[in-house]
Amino acid sequence: MKTEEEVYDVPYSLRGSPNYSSAPIELLNRTPSAPFAPNAPKEKEDMKRSVCIVVVVIFVALALIGVNLLHYFLFTAKSIQDGNELAQKLKNINQTLNELEEQFQQQILKHPADCKLSNSAKLVTLVNGKKYSFNDTQVAWSVAKETCNRQGLHLASLKDSNDFRVVTDEAQKIVGSKTAWWVSARNSEGESQKNFRWHDGLKLELNSPLWSNKANKTQDCVYITWYEDKKLSTNPCDYNYNFVCEQPIECNALLSFINLK
């Protein structure tokens, strides 16, 4: 059992003193000393500061999450918009292709015999992508024209230097260099002034670089010369020359389309 001194924590200097019994009553009535307690106001202030820091951290985290979500939604909305625009463009392209297919079908119905007939002719596809038939039988211009037409073709229309070069190169391989070839251009019938036109009505200008330097341009029918420059000149239409037929460009496209189908 604890002694009274231990219970009331009487100072050591008073223990066993003669005056012990007369010690101040407040000392005798003292309650045991409590353990050390921290400063309450300081503790509250630290706690408030900690709470504020936590709140700020949470707020910042929520703000970052909100910004990321906003970016995500904006990106998703933009992607949806882009997707809709792409879908519309694809729809327009598909519609255009359908329209082109319909036009091709109409052309096939309009010229089925000619195109199929021309495809059965003995044709050579040259590097310009066009198809030609080289005939080494020498005939007048009108006979050459009729012969080409019976095959679903027309006399060749060499409207630019590229077509002219590839055709003349091929012709030279077939029969040699000293041979003339009828082409489709001729002077318009009934006109005194020279007005040369290709089979489709496109004009062959008198100053075209396709003319030979030696061309007289005084006769009605146009041919590829045997001159050194291998260009165009004119002669009477009843002269007999070789001739070059060409597959109509629309048949070339239509038959390619049919093959793809």
C-alpha atoms as a PDB file:
ATOM      1  CA  MET A   1       0.000   0.000   0.000  1.00  0.00           C
ATOM      2  CA  LYS A   2       1.242   3.457  -0.925  1.00  0.00           C
ATOM      3  CA  THR A   3       2.105   5.838   1.872  1.00  0.00           C
ATOM      4  CA  GLU A   4       0.480   9.171   2.259  1.00  0.00           C
ATOM      5  CA  GLU A   5       3.641  10.898   0.990  1.00  0.00           C
ATOM      6  CA  GLU A   6       3.452   8.871  -2.223  1.00  0.00           C
ATOM      7  CA  VAL A   7      -0.194   9.593  -2.625  1.00  0.00           C
ATOM      8  CA  TYR A   8      -0.004  13.299  -2.129  1.00  0.00           C
ATOM      9  CA  ASP A   9       3.548  13.839  -3.397  1.00  0.00           C
ATOM     10  CA  VAL A  10       4.643  15.743  -0.266  1.00  0.00           C
ATOM     11  CA  PRO A  11       7.991  17.418  -0.871  1.00  0.00           C
ATOM     12  CA  TYR A  12      10.910  15.494   0.416  1.00  0.00           C
ATOM     13  CA  SER A  13      12.046  18.384   2.606  1.00  0.00           C
ATOM     14  CA  LEU A  14       8.868  18.088   4.630  1.00  0.00           C
ATOM     15  CA  ARG A  15       8.943  14.342   5.124  1.00  0.00           C
ATOM     16  CA  GLY A  16       9.840  13.376   8.678  1.00  0.00           C
ATOM     17  CA  SER A  17      10.022  17.042   9.588  1.00  0.00           C
ATOM     18  CA  PRO A  18       8.739  18.060  12.978  1.00  0.00           C
ATOM     19  CA  ASN A  19       6.592  20.443  11.104  1.00  0.00           C
ATOM     20  CA  TYR A  20       5.230  17.781   8.943  1.00  0.00           C
ATOM     21  CA  SER A  21       1.958  17.690  10.700  1.00  0.00           C
ATOM     22  CA  SER A  22       1.738  21.441  10.432  1.00  0.00           C
ATOM     23  CA  ALA A  23       2.471  21.566   6.678  1.00  0.00           C
ATOM     24  CA  PRO A  24       0.190  23.886   4.770  1.00  0.00           C
ATOM     25  CA  ILE A  25      -3.161  22.326   4.209  1.00  0.00           C
ATOM     26  CA  GLU A  26      -2.925  23.011   0.474  1.00  0.00           C
ATOM     27  CA  LEU A  27       0.125  20.778   0.241  1.00  0.00           C
ATOM     28  CA  LEU A  28      -1.655  18.050   2.121  1.00  0.00           C
ATOM     29  CA  ASN A  29      -4.694  18.421  -0.083  1.00  0.00           C
ATOM     30  CA  ARG A  30      -2.749  18.457  -3.377  1.00  0.00           C
ATOM     31  CA  THR A  31      -3.928  16.032  -5.992  1.00  0.00           C
ATOM     32  CA  PRO A  32      -1.339  13.899  -7.667  1.00  0.00           C
ATOM     33  CA  SER A  33       0.474  15.757 -10.456  1.00  0.00           C
ATOM     34  CA  ALA A  34      -0.890  15.029 -13.941  1.00  0.00           C
ATOM     35  CA  PRO A  35       1.413  13.955 -16.751  1.00  0.00           C
ATOM     36  CA  PHE A  36       2.762  16.639 -19.171  1.00  0.00           C
ATOM     37  CA  ALA A  37       0.117  17.742 -21.679  1.00  0.00           C
ATOM     38  CA  PRO A  38       0.985  19.545 -24.957  1.00  0.00           C
ATOM     39  CA  ASN A  39       0.054  23.095 -25.654  1.00  0.00           C
ATOM     40  CA  ALA A  40      -3.590  22.856 -26.798  1.00  0.00           C
ATOM     41  CA  PRO A  41      -3.732  25.995 -29.009  1.00  0.00           C
ATOM     42  CA  LYS A  42      -0.560  24.996 -30.916  1.00  0.00           C
ATOM     43  CA  GLU A  43      -1.907  21.498 -31.476  1.00  0.00           C
ATOM     44  CA  LYS A  44      -5.120  22.867 -32.956  1.00  0.00           C
ATOM     45  CA  GLU A  45      -3.220  25.184 -35.269  1.00  0.00           C
ATOM     46  CA  ASP A  46      -1.048  22.346 -36.579  1.00  0.00           C
ATOM     47  CA  MET A  47      -4.098  20.208 -37.131  1.00  0.00           C
ATOM     48  CA  LYS A  48      -5.821  22.972 -39.093  1.00  0.00           C
ATOM     49  CA  ARG A  49      -2.732  23.410 -41.244  1.00  0.00           C
ATOM     50  CA  SER A  50      -2.598  19.683 -41.980  1.00  0.00           C
ATOM     51  CA  VAL A  51      -6.272  19.622 -42.892  1.00  0.00           C
ATOM     52  CA  CYS A  52      -5.808  22.589 -45.233  1.00  0.00           C
ATOM     53  CA  ILE A  53      -2.885  20.888 -46.955  1.00  0.00           C
ATOM     54  CA  VAL A  54      -4.910  17.717 -47.456  1.00  0.00           C
ATOM     55  CA  VAL A  55      -7.852  19.715 -48.836  1.00  0.00           C
ATOM     56  CA  VAL A  56      -5.590  21.589 -51.255  1.00  0.00           C
ATOM     57  CA  VAL A  57      -4.001  18.342 -52.436  1.00  0.00           C
ATOM     58  CA  ILE A  58      -7.424  16.775 -52.977  1.00  0.00           C
ATOM     59  CA  PHE A  59      -8.641  19.877 -54.810  1.00  0.00           C
ATOM     60  CA  VAL A  60      -5.588  19.910 -57.106  1.00  0.00           C
ATOM     61  CA  ALA A  61      -5.999  16.198 -57.805  1.00  0.00           C
ATOM     62  CA  LEU A  62      -9.670  16.657 -58.630  1.00  0.00           C
ATOM     63  CA  ALA A  63      -8.828  19.617 -60.869  1.00  0.00           C
ATOM     64  CA  LEU A  64      -6.261  17.547 -62.787  1.00  0.00           C
ATOM     65  CA  ILE A  65      -8.742  14.715 -63.169  1.00  0.00           C
ATOM     66  CA  GLY A  66     -11.341  17.209 -64.381  1.00  0.00           C
ATOM     67  CA  VAL A  67      -8.956  18.684 -66.965  1.00  0.00           C
ATOM     68  CA  ASN A  68      -8.036  15.216 -68.240  1.00  0.00           C
ATOM     69  CA  LEU A  69     -11.699  14.253 -68.477  1.00  0.00           C
ATOM     70  CA  LEU A  70     -12.430  17.480 -70.355  1.00  0.00           C
ATOM     71  CA  HIS A  71      -9.620  16.770 -72.818  1.00  0.00           C
ATOM     72  CA  TYR A  72     -10.894  13.228 -73.262  1.00  0.00           C
ATOM     73  CA  PHE A  73     -14.458  14.356 -73.953  1.00  0.00           C
ATOM     74  CA  LEU A  74     -13.272  17.064 -76.346  1.00  0.00           C
ATOM     75  CA  PHE A  75     -11.051  14.559 -78.161  1.00  0.00           C
ATOM     76  CA  THR A  76     -13.913  12.061 -78.324  1.00  0.00           C
ATOM     77  CA  ALA A  77     -16.275  14.717 -79.666  1.00  0.00           C
ATOM     78  CA  LYS A  78     -13.698  15.793 -82.277  1.00  0.00           C
ATOM     79  CA  SER A  79     -13.127  12.165 -83.258  1.00  0.00           C
ATOM     80  CA  ILE A  80     -16.854  11.633 -83.667  1.00  0.00           C
ATOM     81  CA  GLN A  81     -17.096  14.789 -85.786  1.00  0.00           C
ATOM     82  CA  ASP A  82     -14.138  13.723 -87.929  1.00  0.00           C
ATOM     83  CA  GLY A  83     -15.658  10.277 -88.254  1.00  0.00           C
ATOM     84  CA  ASN A  84     -18.949  11.755 -89.406  1.00  0.00           C
ATOM     85  CA  GLU A  85     -17.165  13.965 -91.950  1.00  0.00           C
ATOM     86  CA  LEU A  86     -15.160  10.985 -93.231  1.00  0.00           C
ATOM     87  CA  ALA A  87     -18.311   8.913 -93.492  1.00  0.00           C
ATOM     88  CA  GLN A  88     -19.966  11.691 -95.490  1.00  0.00           C
ATOM     89  CA  LYS A  89     -16.974  11.964 -97.826  1.00  0.00           C
ATOM     90  CA  LEU A  90     -16.968   8.196 -98.378  1.00  0.00           C
ATOM     91  CA  LYS A  91     -20.679   8.352 -99.061  1.00  0.00           C
ATOM     92  CA  ASN A  92     -20.116  11.101-101.653  1.00  0.00           C
ATOM     93  CA  ILE A  93     -17.309   9.107-103.298  1.00  0.00           C
ATOM     94  CA  ASN A  94     -19.487   6.015-103.450  1.00  0.00           C
ATOM     95  CA  GLN A  95     -22.310   8.051-104.975  1.00  0.00           C
ATOM     96  CA  THR A  96     -19.926   9.464-107.599  1.00  0.00           C
ATOM     97  CA  LEU A  97     -18.666   5.979-108.460  1.00  0.00           C
ATOM     98  CA  ASN A  98     -22.225   4.761-108.852  1.00  0.00           C
ATOM     99  CA  GLU A  99     -22.972   7.668-111.190  1.00  0.00           C
ATOM    100  CA  LEU A 100     -19.862   6.904-113.249  1.00  0.00           C
ATOM    101  CA  GLU A 101     -20.821   3.250-113.440  1.00  0.00           C
ATOM    102  CA  GLU A 102     -24.268   4.230-114.694  1.00  0.00           C
ATOM    103  CA  GLN A 103     -22.721   6.498-117.330  1.00  0.00           C
ATOM    104  CA  PHE A 104     -20.431   3.679-118.426  1.00  0.00           C
ATOM    105  CA  GLN A 105     -23.371   1.314-118.713  1.00  0.00           C
ATOM    106  CA  GLN A 106     -25.217   3.884-120.835  1.00  0.00           C
ATOM    107  CA  GLN A 107     -22.203   4.194-123.115  1.00  0.00           C
ATOM    108  CA  ILE A 108     -22.001   0.424-123.437  1.00  0.00           C
ATOM    109  CA  LEU A 109     -25.669   0.292-124.407  1.00  0.00           C
ATOM    110  CA  LYS A 110     -25.102   3.122-126.892  1.00  0.00           C
ATOM    111  CA  HIS A 111     -22.056   1.576-128.624  1.00  0.00           C
ATOM    112  CA  PRO A 112     -22.064  -2.143-127.754  1.00  0.00           C
ATOM    113  CA  ALA A 113     -21.391  -3.481-131.243  1.00  0.00           C
ATOM    114  CA  ASP A 114     -18.599  -1.053-132.152  1.00  0.00           C
ATOM    115  CA  CYS A 115     -16.724  -1.526-128.884  1.00  0.00           C
ATOM    116  CA  LYS A 116     -16.985  -5.317-128.919  1.00  0.00           C
ATOM    117  CA  LEU A 117     -16.024  -5.390-132.584  1.00  0.00           C
ATOM    118  CA  SER A 118     -12.987  -3.167-132.012  1.00  0.00           C
ATOM    119  CA  ASN A 119     -11.877  -5.418-129.194  1.00  0.00           C
ATOM    120  CA  SER A 120     -11.774  -8.383-131.595  1.00  0.00           C
ATOM    121  CA  ALA A 121      -9.507  -6.545-134.049  1.00  0.00           C
ATOM    122  CA  LYS A 122      -5.781  -7.162-134.152  1.00  0.00           C
ATOM    123  CA  LEU A 123      -4.691  -4.342-131.871  1.00  0.00           C
ATOM    124  CA  VAL A 124      -1.362  -3.303-130.417  1.00  0.00           C
ATOM    125  CA  THR A 125      -1.292  -1.443-127.092  1.00  0.00           C
ATOM    126  CA  LEU A 126       1.478   1.144-127.163  1.00  0.00           C
ATOM    127  CA  VAL A 127       3.227   2.932-124.317  1.00  0.00           C
ATOM    128  CA  ASN A 128       0.735   5.815-124.443  1.00  0.00           C
ATOM    129  CA  GLY A 129      -1.956   3.353-123.318  1.00  0.00           C
ATOM    130  CA  LYS A 130      -3.898   3.516-126.595  1.00  0.00           C
ATOM    131  CA  LYS A 131      -4.595   0.656-128.994  1.00  0.00           C
ATOM    132  CA  TYR A 132      -3.814   0.700-132.720  1.00  0.00           C
ATOM    133  CA  SER A 133      -4.001  -1.553-135.753  1.00  0.00           C
ATOM    134  CA  PHE A 134      -1.252  -1.189-138.372  1.00  0.00           C
ATOM    135  CA  ASN A 135      -2.338  -2.147-141.915  1.00  0.00           C
ATOM    136  CA  ASP A 136       0.384  -2.591-144.527  1.00  0.00           C
ATOM    137  CA  THR A 137      -2.082  -2.890-147.412  1.00  0.00           C
ATOM    138  CA  GLN A 138      -1.806   0.288-149.481  1.00  0.00           C
ATOM    139  CA  VAL A 139      -5.178   1.859-150.279  1.00  0.00           C
ATOM    140  CA  ALA A 140      -6.777   5.276-150.842  1.00  0.00           C
ATOM    141  CA  TRP A 141      -7.717   7.420-147.837  1.00  0.00           C
ATOM    142  CA  SER A 142     -11.470   6.727-148.119  1.00  0.00           C
ATOM    143  CA  VAL A 143     -10.886   2.958-148.299  1.00  0.00           C
ATOM    144  CA  ALA A 144      -8.604   3.139-145.263  1.00  0.00           C
ATOM    145  CA  LYS A 145     -11.269   5.057-143.352  1.00  0.00           C
ATOM    146  CA  GLU A 146     -13.996   2.544-144.290  1.00  0.00           C
ATOM    147  CA  THR A 147     -11.777  -0.411-143.380  1.00  0.00           C
ATOM    148  CA  CYS A 148     -11.130   1.008-139.923  1.00  0.00           C
ATOM    149  CA  ASN A 149     -14.824   1.764-139.391  1.00  0.00           C
ATOM    150  CA  ARG A 150     -15.844  -1.800-140.274  1.00  0.00           C
ATOM    151  CA  GLN A 151     -13.660  -2.992-137.403  1.00  0.00           C
ATOM    152  CA  GLY A 152     -15.208  -0.568-134.923  1.00  0.00           C
ATOM    153  CA  LEU A 153     -12.117   1.653-135.198  1.00  0.00           C
ATOM    154  CA  HIS A 154     -11.238   4.967-136.830  1.00  0.00           C
ATOM    155  CA  LEU A 155      -8.177   6.238-138.652  1.00  0.00           C
ATOM    156  CA  ALA A 156      -5.565   7.225-136.077  1.00  0.00           C
ATOM    157  CA  SER A 157      -5.723  10.740-134.641  1.00  0.00           C
ATOM    158  CA  LEU A 158      -2.225  11.701-133.527  1.00  0.00           C
ATOM    159  CA  LYS A 159      -2.989  14.984-131.813  1.00  0.00           C
ATOM    160  CA  ASP A 160       0.184  15.449-129.776  1.00  0.00           C
ATOM    161  CA  SER A 161       3.885  14.758-130.126  1.00  0.00           C
ATOM    162  CA  ASN A 162       3.813  11.836-127.698  1.00  0.00           C
ATOM    163  CA  ASP A 163       1.130   9.915-129.609  1.00  0.00           C
ATOM    164  CA  PHE A 164       2.865  10.791-132.872  1.00  0.00           C
ATOM    165  CA  ARG A 165       6.246   9.500-131.704  1.00  0.00           C
ATOM    166  CA  VAL A 166       5.028   6.149-130.317  1.00  0.00           C
ATOM    167  CA  VAL A 167       2.943   5.420-133.432  1.00  0.00           C
ATOM    168  CA  THR A 168       5.668   6.310-135.929  1.00  0.00           C
ATOM    169  CA  ASP A 169       8.232   4.275-133.960  1.00  0.00           C
ATOM    170  CA  GLU A 170       5.941   1.231-134.069  1.00  0.00           C
ATOM    171  CA  ALA A 171       5.130   1.735-137.755  1.00  0.00           C
ATOM    172  CA  GLN A 172       8.832   1.829-138.620  1.00  0.00           C
ATOM    173  CA  LYS A 173       9.347  -1.497-136.830  1.00  0.00           C
ATOM    174  CA  ILE A 174       6.630  -3.109-138.952  1.00  0.00           C
ATOM    175  CA  VAL A 175       7.476  -2.063-142.521  1.00  0.00           C
ATOM    176  CA  GLY A 176      10.621   0.009-142.353  1.00  0.00           C
ATOM    177  CA  SER A 177      11.219   3.708-142.654  1.00  0.00           C
ATOM    178  CA  LYS A 178      10.324   4.546-146.291  1.00  0.00           C
ATOM    179  CA  THR A 179       6.584   4.086-146.034  1.00  0.00           C
ATOM    180  CA  ALA A 180       3.720   6.559-145.752  1.00  0.00           C
ATOM    181  CA  TRP A 181       0.680   6.049-143.488  1.00  0.00           C
ATOM    182  CA  TRP A 182      -2.786   7.593-143.738  1.00  0.00           C
ATOM    183  CA  VAL A 183      -4.182   9.183-140.561  1.00  0.00           C
ATOM    184  CA  SER A 184      -7.670  10.588-139.866  1.00  0.00           C
ATOM    185  CA  ALA A 185      -7.012  14.315-140.471  1.00  0.00           C
ATOM    186  CA  ARG A 186      -8.239  15.811-143.731  1.00  0.00           C
ATOM    187  CA  ASN A 187      -9.432  19.081-145.154  1.00  0.00           C
ATOM    188  CA  SER A 188     -13.094  19.815-144.579  1.00  0.00           C
ATOM    189  CA  GLU A 189     -14.970  18.925-147.727  1.00  0.00           C
ATOM    190  CA  GLY A 190     -16.256  21.824-149.805  1.00  0.00           C
ATOM    191  CA  GLU A 191     -13.886  24.378-148.290  1.00  0.00           C
ATOM    192  CA  SER A 192     -11.395  26.147-150.522  1.00  0.00           C
ATOM    193  CA  GLN A 193      -9.329  27.381-147.572  1.00  0.00           C
ATOM    194  CA  LYS A 194      -7.447  24.608-145.830  1.00  0.00           C
ATOM    195  CA  ASN A 195      -9.125  23.583-142.594  1.00  0.00           C
ATOM    196  CA  PHE A 196      -7.722  20.254-141.467  1.00  0.00           C
ATOM    197  CA  ARG A 197      -9.578  18.349-138.748  1.00  0.00           C
ATOM    198  CA  TRP A 198      -9.165  14.995-137.020  1.00  0.00           C
ATOM    199  CA  HIS A 199     -11.902  12.334-137.026  1.00  0.00           C
ATOM    200  CA  ASP A 200     -13.654  13.908-133.999  1.00  0.00           C
ATOM    201  CA  GLY A 201     -13.688  17.427-135.495  1.00  0.00           C
ATOM    202  CA  LEU A 202     -10.734  18.761-133.490  1.00  0.00           C
ATOM    203  CA  LYS A 203      -8.739  21.160-135.631  1.00  0.00           C
ATOM    204  CA  LEU A 204      -5.216  20.406-136.802  1.00  0.00           C
ATOM    205  CA  GLU A 205      -3.659  23.849-136.795  1.00  0.00           C
ATOM    206  CA  LEU A 206      -1.569  24.869-139.772  1.00  0.00           C
ATOM    207  CA  ASN A 207       1.241  25.963-137.431  1.00  0.00           C
ATOM    208  CA  SER A 208       1.241  22.677-135.475  1.00  0.00           C
ATOM    209  CA  PRO A 209       4.729  21.265-134.807  1.00  0.00           C
ATOM    210  CA  LEU A 210       3.405  17.936-136.120  1.00  0.00           C
ATOM    211  CA  TRP A 211       3.708  19.193-139.704  1.00  0.00           C
ATOM    212  CA  SER A 212       6.826  18.307-141.634  1.00  0.00           C
ATOM    213  CA  ASN A 213       9.086  21.166-142.670  1.00  0.00           C
ATOM    214  CA  LYS A 214       8.552  19.965-146.262  1.00  0.00           C
ATOM    215  CA  ALA A 215       4.754  19.712-145.983  1.00  0.00           C
ATOM    216  CA  ASN A 216       2.906  21.557-148.759  1.00  0.00           C
ATOM    217  CA  LYS A 217      -0.491  21.589-146.959  1.00  0.00           C
ATOM    218  CA  THR A 218      -2.175  22.122-150.322  1.00  0.00           C
ATOM    219  CA  GLN A 219      -3.945  18.760-150.700  1.00  0.00           C
ATOM    220  CA  ASP A 220      -6.914  17.395-148.769  1.00  0.00           C
ATOM    221  CA  CYS A 221      -5.763  14.219-146.986  1.00  0.00           C
ATOM    222  CA  VAL A 222      -3.082  14.011-144.293  1.00  0.00           C
ATOM    223  CA  TYR A 223      -0.497  11.265-143.974  1.00  0.00           C
ATOM    224  CA  ILE A 224       2.720  10.489-142.113  1.00  0.00           C
ATOM    225  CA  THR A 225       5.534  11.196-144.567  1.00  0.00           C
ATOM    226  CA  TRP A 226       8.514   9.067-145.458  1.00  0.00           C
ATOM    227  CA  TYR A 227      10.664  12.180-145.200  1.00  0.00           C
ATOM    228  CA  GLU A 228      13.558  12.269-142.830  1.00  0.00           C
ATOM    229  CA  ASP A 229      11.590  14.041-140.059  1.00  0.00           C
ATOM    230  CA  LYS A 230       8.677  11.537-140.252  1.00  0.00           C
ATOM    231  CA  LYS A 231       5.962  14.119-139.718  1.00  0.00           C
ATOM    232  CA  LEU A 232       2.694  15.130-141.383  1.00  0.00           C
ATOM    233  CA  SER A 233       2.074  16.304-144.898  1.00  0.00           C
ATOM    234  CA  THR A 234      -0.798  16.232-147.427  1.00  0.00           C
ATOM    235  CA  ASN A 235      -1.439  14.486-150.707  1.00  0.00           C
ATOM    236  CA  PRO A 236      -4.435  13.764-152.915  1.00  0.00           C
ATOM    237  CA  CYS A 237      -6.839  11.405-151.168  1.00  0.00           C
ATOM    238  CA  ASP A 238      -6.701   8.829-153.959  1.00  0.00           C
ATOM    239  CA  TYR A 239      -3.038   8.040-153.358  1.00  0.00           C
ATOM    240  CA  ASN A 240      -2.420   4.543-152.001  1.00  0.00           C
ATOM    241  CA  TYR A 241      -0.720   4.352-148.620  1.00  0.00           C
ATOM    242  CA  ASN A 242      -0.595   2.090-145.587  1.00  0.00           C
ATOM    243  CA  PHE A 243      -2.904   3.199-142.784  1.00  0.00           C
ATOM    244  CA  VAL A 244      -3.171   3.143-138.993  1.00  0.00           C
ATOM    245  CA  CYS A 245      -6.473   2.474-137.215  1.00  0.00           C
ATOM    246  CA  GLU A 246      -7.128   3.429-133.614  1.00  0.00           C
ATOM    247  CA  GLN A 247      -9.581   2.069-131.064  1.00  0.00           C
ATOM    248  CA  PRO A 248     -12.002   4.774-129.871  1.00  0.00           C
ATOM    249  CA  ILE A 249     -10.934   6.074-126.497  1.00  0.00           C
ATOM    250  CA  GLU A 250     -14.405   5.494-125.050  1.00  0.00           C
ATOM    251  CA  CYS A 251     -14.246   1.821-126.033  1.00  0.00           C
ATOM    252  CA  ASN A 252     -10.851   1.480-124.424  1.00  0.00           C
ATOM    253  CA  ALA A 253     -12.250   2.823-121.149  1.00  0.00           C
ATOM    254  CA  LEU A 254     -15.501   0.861-121.358  1.00  0.00           C
ATOM    255  CA  LEU A 255     -13.845  -2.468-122.106  1.00  0.00           C
ATOM    256  CA  SER A 256     -11.354  -1.935-119.283  1.00  0.00           C
ATOM    257  CA  PHE A 257     -14.292  -1.242-116.985  1.00  0.00           C
ATOM    258  CA  ILE A 258     -16.085  -4.405-118.131  1.00  0.00           C
ATOM    259  CA  ASN A 259     -12.960  -6.469-117.460  1.00  0.00           C
ATOM    260  CA  LEU A 260     -12.748  -5.023-113.940  1.00  0.00           C
ATOM    261  CA  LYS A 261     -16.374  -5.976-113.344  1.00  0.00           C
END
